[in-house]
Amino acid sequence: MSSNSPRVPQCGTDRTDTPSRFGAPQAFTAVSFPALGAALHMTGMPLEDIFLLLGGCGALGTAAVLAAGGGRRRLSGLAAAVLRAAAGK
């Protein structure tokens, strides 16, 4: 090993660097969407409009996560699926 090679940090067997699958952002979304839907329904908004609004918010959130994660192929697949669903095909 030469002195110019980069150092690679060594992880011990007691340490894992895997991120948790379910964290605060996921918990917030899982709680806020039904709560927002219930609040909108109690104010008199029709269910179809609530589903459309929350579905659109979920689609935008998914698109943002995919775009930030560098998943261009997945993002284009999602866009195609949304367009097919909107066209009724």
Protein backbone atom coordinates (compact mmCIF):
# COMPACT_ATOMS: atom_id res chain seq x y z
CA MET A 1 0.00 0.00 0.00
CA SER A 2 1.54 3.28 -1.08
CA SER A 3 1.34 6.47 0.91
CA ASN A 4 -0.78 8.10 -1.83
CA SER A 5 -3.65 5.62 -1.66
CA PRO A 6 -6.78 6.81 0.16
CA ARG A 7 -7.49 5.39 3.57
CA VAL A 8 -10.59 3.27 3.87
CA PRO A 9 -12.26 3.40 7.28
CA GLN A 10 -12.70 0.02 8.89
CA CYS A 11 -15.99 -0.84 10.57
CA GLY A 12 -16.00 -3.08 13.58
CA THR A 13 -18.31 -6.07 13.75
CA ASP A 14 -20.38 -4.36 16.44
CA ARG A 15 -21.17 -1.34 14.20
CA THR A 16 -23.53 -1.30 11.27
CA ASP A 17 -23.91 1.58 8.86
CA THR A 18 -27.27 0.60 7.43
CA PRO A 19 -29.93 3.31 7.68
CA SER A 20 -33.19 2.55 9.38
CA ARG A 21 -36.08 1.73 7.06
CA PHE A 22 -38.77 3.49 9.10
CA GLY A 23 -37.96 6.83 10.65
CA ALA A 24 -39.54 10.13 11.60
CA PRO A 25 -40.32 11.28 8.02
CA GLN A 26 -42.17 8.06 7.27
CA ALA A 27 -44.05 8.20 10.57
CA PHE A 28 -45.04 11.83 9.98
CA THR A 29 -46.41 11.02 6.54
CA ALA A 30 -48.25 7.93 7.78
CA VAL A 31 -49.99 10.00 10.46
CA SER A 32 -50.49 13.31 8.64
CA PHE A 33 -52.21 12.00 5.49
CA PRO A 34 -55.14 10.30 7.30
CA ALA A 35 -55.37 13.20 9.77
CA LEU A 36 -55.50 15.76 6.96
CA GLY A 37 -58.08 13.68 5.10
CA ALA A 38 -60.27 13.43 8.20
CA ALA A 39 -59.97 17.17 8.88
CA LEU A 40 -60.90 18.02 5.28
CA HIS A 41 -63.88 15.64 5.38
CA MET A 42 -65.11 17.22 8.62
CA THR A 43 -65.06 20.65 6.95
CA GLY A 44 -67.38 19.35 4.22
CA MET A 45 -64.99 18.63 1.36
CA PRO A 46 -66.19 15.76 -0.89
CA LEU A 47 -64.29 12.48 -0.58
CA GLU A 48 -63.38 12.42 -4.29
CA ASP A 49 -61.63 15.78 -3.94
CA ILE A 50 -59.81 14.65 -0.79
CA PHE A 51 -58.54 11.49 -2.50
CA LEU A 52 -57.43 13.50 -5.53
CA LEU A 53 -55.63 16.07 -3.39
CA LEU A 54 -53.86 13.56 -1.15
CA GLY A 55 -53.02 11.30 -4.10
CA GLY A 56 -51.46 14.25 -5.90
CA CYS A 57 -49.46 15.16 -2.81
CA GLY A 58 -48.24 11.58 -2.52
CA ALA A 59 -47.27 11.48 -6.19
CA LEU A 60 -45.34 14.75 -5.88
CA GLY A 61 -43.55 13.45 -2.79
CA THR A 62 -42.64 10.22 -4.57
CA ALA A 63 -41.37 12.13 -7.59
CA ALA A 64 -39.26 14.39 -5.37
CA VAL A 65 -37.69 11.42 -3.56
CA LEU A 66 -36.94 9.64 -6.82
CA ALA A 67 -35.48 12.77 -8.41
CA ALA A 68 -33.31 13.48 -5.37
CA GLY A 69 -32.15 9.86 -5.29
CA GLY A 70 -31.01 9.96 -8.89
CA GLY A 71 -33.57 7.45 -10.11
CA ARG A 72 -34.22 8.90 -13.56
CA ARG A 73 -35.41 5.59 -14.99
CA ARG A 74 -37.80 5.07 -12.11
CA LEU A 75 -38.97 8.67 -12.35
CA SER A 76 -39.71 8.33 -16.05
CA GLY A 77 -41.60 5.09 -15.35
CA LEU A 78 -43.63 6.86 -12.66
CA ALA A 79 -44.40 9.74 -15.03
CA ALA A 80 -45.55 7.29 -17.71
CA ALA A 81 -47.77 5.48 -15.21
CA VAL A 82 -49.32 8.76 -14.05
CA LEU A 83 -50.01 9.81 -17.62
CA ARG A 84 -51.58 6.44 -18.43
CA ALA A 85 -53.75 6.66 -15.29
CA ALA A 86 -54.81 10.21 -16.11
CA ALA A 87 -55.73 9.18 -19.66
CA GLY A 88 -57.79 6.26 -18.33
CA LYS A 89 -55.77 3.55 -20.08
